[in-house]
Amino acid sequence: MGTFLGILKIVGIVLLCILVFLLAAVLLILFVPYRYKVHGQKNDGISAYAKVTWLLHFVVVLLTYDDGINLRIKILGIPFYDKKKRAQKAKLKEEKAREKERLKARRKKKDPLPDEKEEKEPESAEDKPQEVNAAAAENETLSGSEEAAKDSTDGDGDHADTGKKKSLKDIFTRKKKISFFEWLDEIADKTEDILYDLPDMIEEGGDVLFEKLEGIKEKVSSLFDTIEYYHRLLGSEGAEWVYEYVKKHVTGILKAVKPTRFDAEVNIADDDPAAVAKVYEYEVFAMPFIELIRGRRGKVYVNAYQDDKYFDFEADLRGRVLLFALAWHGALILFNKKVKYFIKRLKREEEAEEKKNG
């Protein structure tokens, strides 16, 4: 009995240790922040990288872009995944397989089967089958007809019977030696053809214009229907509360991923003074957005010069993400009864509208 209780005690301790380990792992994943850094640079070319670290670099994920995208994952400093190296290994493996196939093919050629070792004497022209002679005769006939076709071209370099009409552009830009009166005759004939086809062209253009106007009319009608739908949606019962509730928690999610610091330097040069002035004008308009993302210690410089045209920049974006905040706000939105009921009501209204229109 004592042995059985001892075994149960050991099993209980092991299960408790496993439970504590799993609980600690979940708490670490939820409450230890994920730090990220994004760096971008453009001089002669564009290069960038994004780095995510967790738990004092216990896990490092690095995404780089420089003449291609590469993803690397390290755990405890040990490379766990490298996209570029994996692709190189796969390529090397494929090349080795091809080389093996080539070696096999060479061995087959060097060591043919016994009945294939006897070499056949080359056949004379008289011993060749009649089909080969007939094919050669046909090729000679075709080559003769091609030479005849080349000789049948007129002195101007045009084929006699091409069946294609010449455009006015071809007539005016042609570099062939013809008389002035022949050139005038060609222009007159082409102008007459255009005048003859003009009514059909006008009618065809009118049809195209009418189709485009009909398409614009349908798009405007669809836009008004969409505006009316959302106006009715926002004015329905409970819509305002759901809107404010979702807005509040989405704001919480954005705060959880908001950068803590943004450093950037942008250099723009243009030979036009008006363009240089426009750069500073755009900077003033973008100032509220820059203030929002640069953080307390971030620095953003925009420099514009009157010089030969060029554009380069260097930027660093740093921040931290708390997974618990994302999970908390997301769960409050997804599992709220009023929000779920509102979404179901919207789906029913959409289905009813589709049935009505269908």
Protein backbone atom coordinates (compact mmCIF):
# COMPACT_ATOMS: atom_id res chain seq x y z
CA MET A 1 0.00 0.00 0.00
CA GLY A 2 2.83 2.37 0.88
CA THR A 3 4.52 1.66 -2.49
CA PHE A 4 1.29 2.48 -4.35
CA LEU A 5 0.90 5.77 -2.45
CA GLY A 6 4.52 6.62 -3.20
CA ILE A 7 3.96 6.06 -6.94
CA LEU A 8 0.83 8.26 -6.82
CA LYS A 9 2.80 10.95 -4.99
CA ILE A 10 5.55 10.92 -7.66
CA VAL A 11 2.96 11.03 -10.49
CA GLY A 12 1.18 13.94 -8.77
CA ILE A 13 4.43 15.87 -8.36
CA VAL A 14 5.32 15.31 -12.05
CA LEU A 15 1.84 16.44 -13.18
CA LEU A 16 2.03 19.50 -10.91
CA CYS A 17 5.46 20.43 -12.34
CA ILE A 18 4.12 20.09 -15.88
CA LEU A 19 1.09 22.25 -14.99
CA VAL A 20 3.29 24.93 -13.38
CA PHE A 21 5.60 24.90 -16.42
CA LEU A 22 2.66 25.31 -18.84
CA LEU A 23 1.16 28.10 -16.71
CA ALA A 24 4.51 29.90 -16.55
CA ALA A 25 4.94 29.54 -20.33
CA VAL A 26 1.46 30.99 -20.98
CA LEU A 27 2.11 33.92 -18.61
CA LEU A 28 5.46 34.63 -20.25
CA ILE A 29 3.91 34.57 -23.74
CA LEU A 30 1.10 36.92 -22.66
CA PHE A 31 2.93 39.40 -20.42
CA VAL A 32 6.54 39.55 -21.73
CA PRO A 33 6.59 42.20 -24.48
CA TYR A 34 7.62 41.46 -28.05
CA ARG A 35 10.05 44.16 -29.12
CA TYR A 36 10.27 45.09 -32.77
CA LYS A 37 12.54 47.27 -34.86
CA VAL A 38 12.11 48.22 -38.52
CA HIS A 39 14.95 49.84 -40.46
CA GLY A 40 14.69 51.14 -44.02
CA GLN A 41 17.26 52.83 -46.21
CA LYS A 42 17.42 54.11 -49.79
CA ASN A 43 20.54 55.41 -51.45
CA ASP A 44 21.52 53.70 -54.69
CA GLY A 45 19.08 50.87 -53.90
CA ILE A 46 16.49 49.99 -51.28
CA SER A 47 17.34 47.81 -48.29
CA ALA A 48 15.25 47.09 -45.20
CA TYR A 49 14.94 44.72 -42.30
CA ALA A 50 12.41 44.00 -39.56
CA LYS A 51 13.48 42.37 -36.32
CA VAL A 52 11.29 40.92 -33.54
CA THR A 53 12.84 39.75 -30.26
CA TRP A 54 11.24 38.12 -27.22
CA LEU A 55 12.45 37.33 -23.69
CA LEU A 56 15.98 38.83 -23.81
CA HIS A 57 16.58 37.53 -27.35
CA PHE A 58 15.46 34.02 -26.42
CA VAL A 59 13.61 34.09 -29.76
CA VAL A 60 14.76 36.32 -32.65
CA VAL A 61 12.89 36.66 -35.94
CA LEU A 62 14.68 38.65 -38.67
CA LEU A 63 13.14 39.56 -42.01
CA THR A 64 15.54 41.24 -44.46
CA TYR A 65 15.14 42.72 -47.94
CA ASP A 66 18.18 43.29 -50.13
CA ASP A 67 17.92 41.94 -53.67
CA GLY A 68 15.39 39.45 -52.32
CA ILE A 69 13.50 38.59 -49.15
CA ASN A 70 15.03 36.36 -46.49
CA LEU A 71 13.53 35.11 -43.21
CA ARG A 72 15.68 33.85 -40.32
CA ILE A 73 14.59 32.49 -36.94
CA LYS A 74 16.94 31.90 -34.01
CA ILE A 75 16.17 30.25 -30.66
CA LEU A 76 18.79 30.70 -27.93
CA GLY A 77 21.17 31.99 -30.62
CA ILE A 78 20.92 28.74 -32.59
CA PRO A 79 19.72 29.13 -36.21
CA PHE A 80 16.38 27.36 -36.44
CA TYR A 81 15.22 28.47 -39.90
CA ASP A 82 16.90 30.31 -42.79
CA LYS A 83 14.91 30.70 -45.99
CA LYS A 84 17.90 31.56 -48.20
CA LYS A 85 20.05 28.66 -46.94
CA ARG A 86 17.13 26.26 -47.32
CA ALA A 87 16.62 27.42 -50.91
CA GLN A 88 20.36 26.99 -51.61
CA LYS A 89 20.31 23.46 -50.18
CA ALA A 90 17.27 22.56 -52.29
CA LYS A 91 19.01 23.97 -55.39
CA LEU A 92 22.20 22.04 -54.61
CA LYS A 93 20.20 18.86 -54.10
CA GLU A 94 18.43 19.37 -57.41
CA GLU A 95 21.76 19.95 -59.20
CA LYS A 96 23.17 16.74 -57.70
CA ALA A 97 20.13 14.80 -58.89
CA ARG A 98 20.58 16.21 -62.41
CA GLU A 99 24.27 15.31 -62.37
CA LYS A 100 23.39 11.73 -61.41
CA GLU A 101 20.95 11.55 -64.32
CA ARG A 102 23.64 12.83 -66.70
CA LEU A 103 26.14 10.24 -65.45
CA LYS A 104 23.57 7.47 -65.94
CA ALA A 105 22.89 8.67 -69.48
CA ARG A 106 26.63 8.73 -70.28
CA ARG A 107 27.10 5.20 -68.95
CA LYS A 108 24.26 3.96 -71.13
CA LYS A 109 25.88 5.55 -74.20
CA LYS A 110 29.33 4.08 -73.40
CA ASP A 111 28.00 0.56 -72.71
CA PRO A 112 25.23 -0.12 -75.25
CA LEU A 113 23.35 -3.39 -75.41
CA PRO A 114 24.96 -6.29 -77.39
CA ASP A 115 22.55 -6.04 -80.32
CA GLU A 116 23.24 -2.26 -80.56
CA LYS A 117 27.06 -2.57 -80.70
CA GLU A 118 27.13 -3.44 -84.40
CA GLU A 119 27.48 -0.22 -86.31
CA LYS A 120 25.46 0.22 -89.43
CA GLU A 121 27.22 1.32 -92.58
CA PRO A 122 26.11 4.70 -93.89
CA GLU A 123 23.50 4.33 -96.58
CA SER A 124 24.14 5.76 -100.02
CA ALA A 125 21.73 8.10 -101.70
CA GLU A 126 20.44 5.21 -103.82
CA ASP A 127 19.74 3.00 -100.77
CA LYS A 128 17.70 5.72 -98.97
CA PRO A 129 13.97 5.14 -98.78
CA GLN A 130 11.73 6.75 -101.34
CA GLU A 131 10.03 8.82 -98.62
CA VAL A 132 13.32 10.65 -97.82
CA ASN A 133 13.90 11.41 -101.50
CA ALA A 134 10.34 12.69 -101.82
CA ALA A 135 10.81 14.97 -98.77
CA ALA A 136 14.03 16.38 -100.26
CA ALA A 137 12.27 17.08 -103.53
CA GLU A 138 9.46 18.83 -101.68
CA ASN A 139 11.98 21.02 -99.78
CA GLU A 140 13.61 22.00 -103.09
CA THR A 141 10.20 22.93 -104.49
CA LEU A 142 9.42 25.06 -101.41
CA SER A 143 12.77 26.88 -101.57
CA GLY A 144 12.17 27.57 -105.27
CA SER A 145 8.73 28.99 -104.55
CA GLU A 146 10.18 31.25 -101.81
CA GLU A 147 12.76 32.64 -104.25
CA ALA A 148 10.00 33.22 -106.77
CA ALA A 149 7.99 35.05 -104.12
CA LYS A 150 11.00 37.27 -103.35
CA ASP A 151 11.44 38.06 -107.05
CA SER A 152 7.74 38.87 -107.39
CA THR A 153 8.07 41.94 -105.13
CA ASP A 154 7.78 45.24 -106.98
CA GLY A 155 10.55 47.78 -107.33
CA ASP A 156 9.31 49.74 -104.27
CA GLY A 157 9.86 46.79 -101.94
CA ASP A 158 6.10 46.14 -101.42
CA HIS A 159 4.41 42.84 -102.20
CA ALA A 160 2.10 43.04 -105.15
CA ASP A 161 -0.92 41.40 -103.51
CA THR A 162 -0.66 41.74 -99.73
CA GLY A 163 -4.36 42.39 -99.21
CA LYS A 164 -3.56 45.05 -96.53
CA LYS A 165 -4.53 48.72 -96.68
CA LYS A 166 -1.88 51.33 -96.18
CA SER A 167 -2.46 53.99 -93.53
CA LEU A 168 -1.74 57.70 -94.00
CA LYS A 169 1.16 57.37 -91.57
CA ASP A 170 2.73 54.66 -93.76
CA ILE A 171 2.30 56.81 -96.85
CA PHE A 172 3.86 59.93 -95.30
CA THR A 173 6.76 58.12 -93.60
CA ARG A 174 7.64 55.66 -96.38
CA LYS A 175 11.21 55.85 -97.66
CA LYS A 176 10.64 54.35 -101.07
CA LYS A 177 11.47 55.97 -104.38
CA ILE A 178 8.23 56.81 -106.16
CA SER A 179 7.17 59.74 -108.28
CA PHE A 180 5.48 62.79 -106.76
CA PHE A 181 2.21 62.12 -108.63
CA GLU A 182 2.05 58.50 -107.45
CA TRP A 183 2.52 59.77 -103.89
CA LEU A 184 -0.38 62.24 -104.33
CA ASP A 185 -2.60 59.47 -105.76
CA GLU A 186 -1.96 57.27 -102.73
CA ILE A 187 -2.87 60.12 -100.32
CA ALA A 188 -6.04 60.88 -102.28
CA ASP A 189 -7.13 57.22 -102.26
CA LYS A 190 -6.53 56.88 -98.53
CA THR A 191 -8.40 60.13 -97.76
CA GLU A 192 -11.34 58.90 -99.83
CA ASP A 193 -11.39 55.62 -97.85
CA ILE A 194 -11.39 57.54 -94.54
CA LEU A 195 -14.28 59.79 -95.64
CA TYR A 196 -16.22 56.74 -96.80
CA ASP A 197 -15.74 54.96 -93.44
CA LEU A 198 -16.32 58.09 -91.33
CA PRO A 199 -20.09 57.56 -90.67
CA ASP A 200 -19.45 54.02 -89.40
CA MET A 201 -16.60 55.26 -87.21
CA ILE A 202 -18.83 57.99 -85.71
CA GLU A 203 -21.60 55.48 -85.05
CA GLU A 204 -19.17 53.04 -83.42
CA GLY A 205 -17.66 55.80 -81.27
CA GLY A 206 -21.14 56.88 -80.17
CA ASP A 207 -21.95 53.32 -79.09
CA VAL A 208 -18.73 53.15 -77.03
CA LEU A 209 -19.48 56.53 -75.42
CA PHE A 210 -23.03 55.41 -74.62
CA GLU A 211 -21.71 52.22 -72.98
CA LYS A 212 -19.27 54.24 -70.85
CA LEU A 213 -22.05 56.64 -69.75
CA GLU A 214 -24.22 53.67 -68.81
CA GLY A 215 -21.35 52.23 -66.74
CA ILE A 216 -20.86 55.57 -64.93
CA LYS A 217 -24.60 55.74 -64.25
CA GLU A 218 -24.56 52.24 -62.73
CA LYS A 219 -21.55 53.10 -60.52
CA VAL A 220 -23.23 56.30 -59.26
CA SER A 221 -26.44 54.38 -58.53
CA SER A 222 -24.45 51.72 -56.65
CA LEU A 223 -22.67 54.45 -54.64
CA PHE A 224 -25.99 56.02 -53.59
CA ASP A 225 -27.31 52.58 -52.60
CA THR A 226 -24.21 52.00 -50.45
CA ILE A 227 -24.57 55.41 -48.76
CA GLU A 228 -28.24 54.74 -48.08
CA TYR A 229 -27.43 51.30 -46.63
CA TYR A 230 -24.83 52.63 -44.20
CA HIS A 231 -27.07 55.55 -43.25
CA ARG A 232 -29.82 53.09 -42.36
CA LEU A 233 -27.29 50.84 -40.63
CA LEU A 234 -25.87 53.57 -38.38
CA GLY A 235 -29.35 54.83 -37.60
CA SER A 236 -30.69 51.41 -36.52
CA GLU A 237 -31.25 50.42 -32.90
CA GLY A 238 -28.07 49.63 -30.96
CA ALA A 239 -25.74 50.70 -33.79
CA GLU A 240 -24.37 53.74 -31.96
CA TRP A 241 -23.51 51.73 -28.83
CA VAL A 242 -21.79 48.99 -30.87
CA TYR A 243 -19.86 51.61 -32.85
CA GLU A 244 -18.55 53.32 -29.70
CA TYR A 245 -17.75 49.99 -28.02
CA VAL A 246 -15.77 48.65 -31.00
CA LYS A 247 -14.01 52.01 -31.47
CA LYS A 248 -12.88 51.97 -27.82
CA HIS A 249 -11.33 48.50 -27.99
CA VAL A 250 -9.81 48.98 -31.46
CA THR A 251 -8.13 52.10 -30.04
CA GLY A 252 -6.77 49.88 -27.24
CA ILE A 253 -5.35 47.46 -29.82
CA LEU A 254 -3.68 50.31 -31.73
CA LYS A 255 -2.16 51.64 -28.51
CA ALA A 256 -0.74 48.17 -27.80
CA VAL A 257 1.14 48.13 -31.14
CA LYS A 258 1.94 51.86 -31.34
CA PRO A 259 5.67 52.58 -31.89
CA THR A 260 7.60 54.01 -28.96
CA ARG A 261 10.16 55.80 -31.13
CA PHE A 262 10.50 56.80 -34.76
CA ASP A 263 13.71 58.30 -36.15
CA ALA A 264 13.99 59.33 -39.77
CA GLU A 265 15.99 61.57 -42.09
CA VAL A 266 14.76 62.34 -45.59
CA ASN A 267 16.83 64.20 -48.18
CA ILE A 268 15.15 65.49 -51.34
CA ALA A 269 16.72 67.59 -54.08
CA ASP A 270 15.13 69.15 -57.13
CA ASP A 271 16.30 71.70 -59.68
CA ASP A 272 12.91 73.46 -59.51
CA PRO A 273 12.56 75.93 -56.57
CA ALA A 274 8.76 75.48 -56.57
CA ALA A 275 9.18 71.73 -56.03
CA VAL A 276 11.55 72.37 -53.10
CA ALA A 277 8.98 74.70 -51.52
CA LYS A 278 6.28 72.02 -52.01
CA VAL A 279 8.35 69.56 -49.94
CA TYR A 280 8.22 71.84 -46.89
CA GLU A 281 4.53 72.46 -47.52
CA TYR A 282 3.83 68.71 -47.44
CA GLU A 283 5.94 68.40 -44.27
CA VAL A 284 3.68 70.93 -42.50
CA PHE A 285 0.57 68.97 -43.49
CA ALA A 286 2.17 65.68 -42.33
CA MET A 287 3.35 67.12 -38.99
CA PRO A 288 0.37 65.82 -36.91
CA PHE A 289 0.94 62.29 -38.22
CA ILE A 290 4.70 62.56 -37.59
CA GLU A 291 4.05 63.78 -34.03
CA LEU A 292 1.76 60.81 -33.50
CA ILE A 293 4.26 58.11 -34.43
CA ARG A 294 7.67 59.53 -33.51
CA GLY A 295 7.22 59.16 -29.74
CA ARG A 296 8.76 61.28 -26.99
CA ARG A 297 12.40 60.88 -28.05
CA GLY A 298 11.95 60.36 -31.78
CA LYS A 299 13.47 62.71 -34.33
CA VAL A 300 12.31 63.29 -37.90
CA TYR A 301 14.25 65.54 -40.28
CA VAL A 302 13.14 66.50 -43.78
CA ASN A 303 15.78 68.31 -45.84
CA ALA A 304 15.09 69.80 -49.26
CA TYR A 305 17.76 71.21 -51.55
CA GLN A 306 17.86 72.91 -54.92
CA ASP A 307 20.19 70.61 -56.82
CA ASP A 308 20.15 67.73 -59.30
CA LYS A 309 17.17 65.48 -58.63
CA TYR A 310 17.67 62.75 -56.04
CA PHE A 311 15.84 61.19 -53.11
CA ASP A 312 17.22 59.16 -50.21
CA PHE A 313 16.10 58.34 -46.69
CA GLU A 314 16.99 56.38 -43.58
CA ALA A 315 14.39 55.46 -40.97
CA ASP A 316 14.18 53.45 -37.74
CA LEU A 317 10.91 52.40 -36.11
CA ARG A 318 10.92 50.80 -32.66
CA GLY A 319 8.19 49.57 -30.38
CA ARG A 320 6.85 46.79 -28.19
CA VAL A 321 3.73 44.68 -28.37
CA LEU A 322 2.03 43.13 -25.34
CA LEU A 323 0.15 40.03 -26.50
CA PHE A 324 -2.13 40.15 -23.46
CA ALA A 325 -3.49 43.56 -24.53
CA LEU A 326 -4.21 42.31 -28.05
CA ALA A 327 -5.90 39.15 -26.75
CA TRP A 328 -7.91 41.09 -24.14
CA HIS A 329 -9.33 43.74 -26.46
CA GLY A 330 -9.92 41.24 -29.28
CA ALA A 331 -11.79 38.84 -26.98
CA LEU A 332 -13.97 41.67 -25.61
CA ILE A 333 -15.02 42.53 -29.17
CA LEU A 334 -15.53 38.96 -30.42
CA PHE A 335 -17.40 37.56 -27.40
CA ASN A 336 -19.61 40.53 -26.53
CA LYS A 337 -23.28 39.47 -26.83
CA LYS A 338 -24.53 42.81 -28.17
CA VAL A 339 -21.84 42.90 -30.85
CA LYS A 340 -22.55 39.30 -31.89
CA TYR A 341 -26.31 39.98 -32.04
CA PHE A 342 -25.72 43.15 -34.09
CA ILE A 343 -23.53 41.25 -36.59
CA LYS A 344 -26.16 38.49 -36.92
CA ARG A 345 -28.85 41.11 -37.56
CA LEU A 346 -26.72 42.69 -40.26
CA LYS A 347 -26.23 39.31 -41.95
CA ARG A 348 -29.99 38.68 -41.92
CA GLU A 349 -30.63 42.11 -43.44
CA GLU A 350 -28.04 41.49 -46.16
CA GLU A 351 -29.54 38.08 -47.00
CA ALA A 352 -33.03 39.62 -47.17
CA GLU A 353 -31.73 42.40 -49.42
CA GLU A 354 -30.03 39.87 -51.74
CA LYS A 355 -33.25 37.81 -51.99
CA LYS A 356 -35.23 40.96 -52.75
CA ASN A 357 -32.83 42.06 -55.49
CA GLY A 358 -32.43 38.51 -56.81
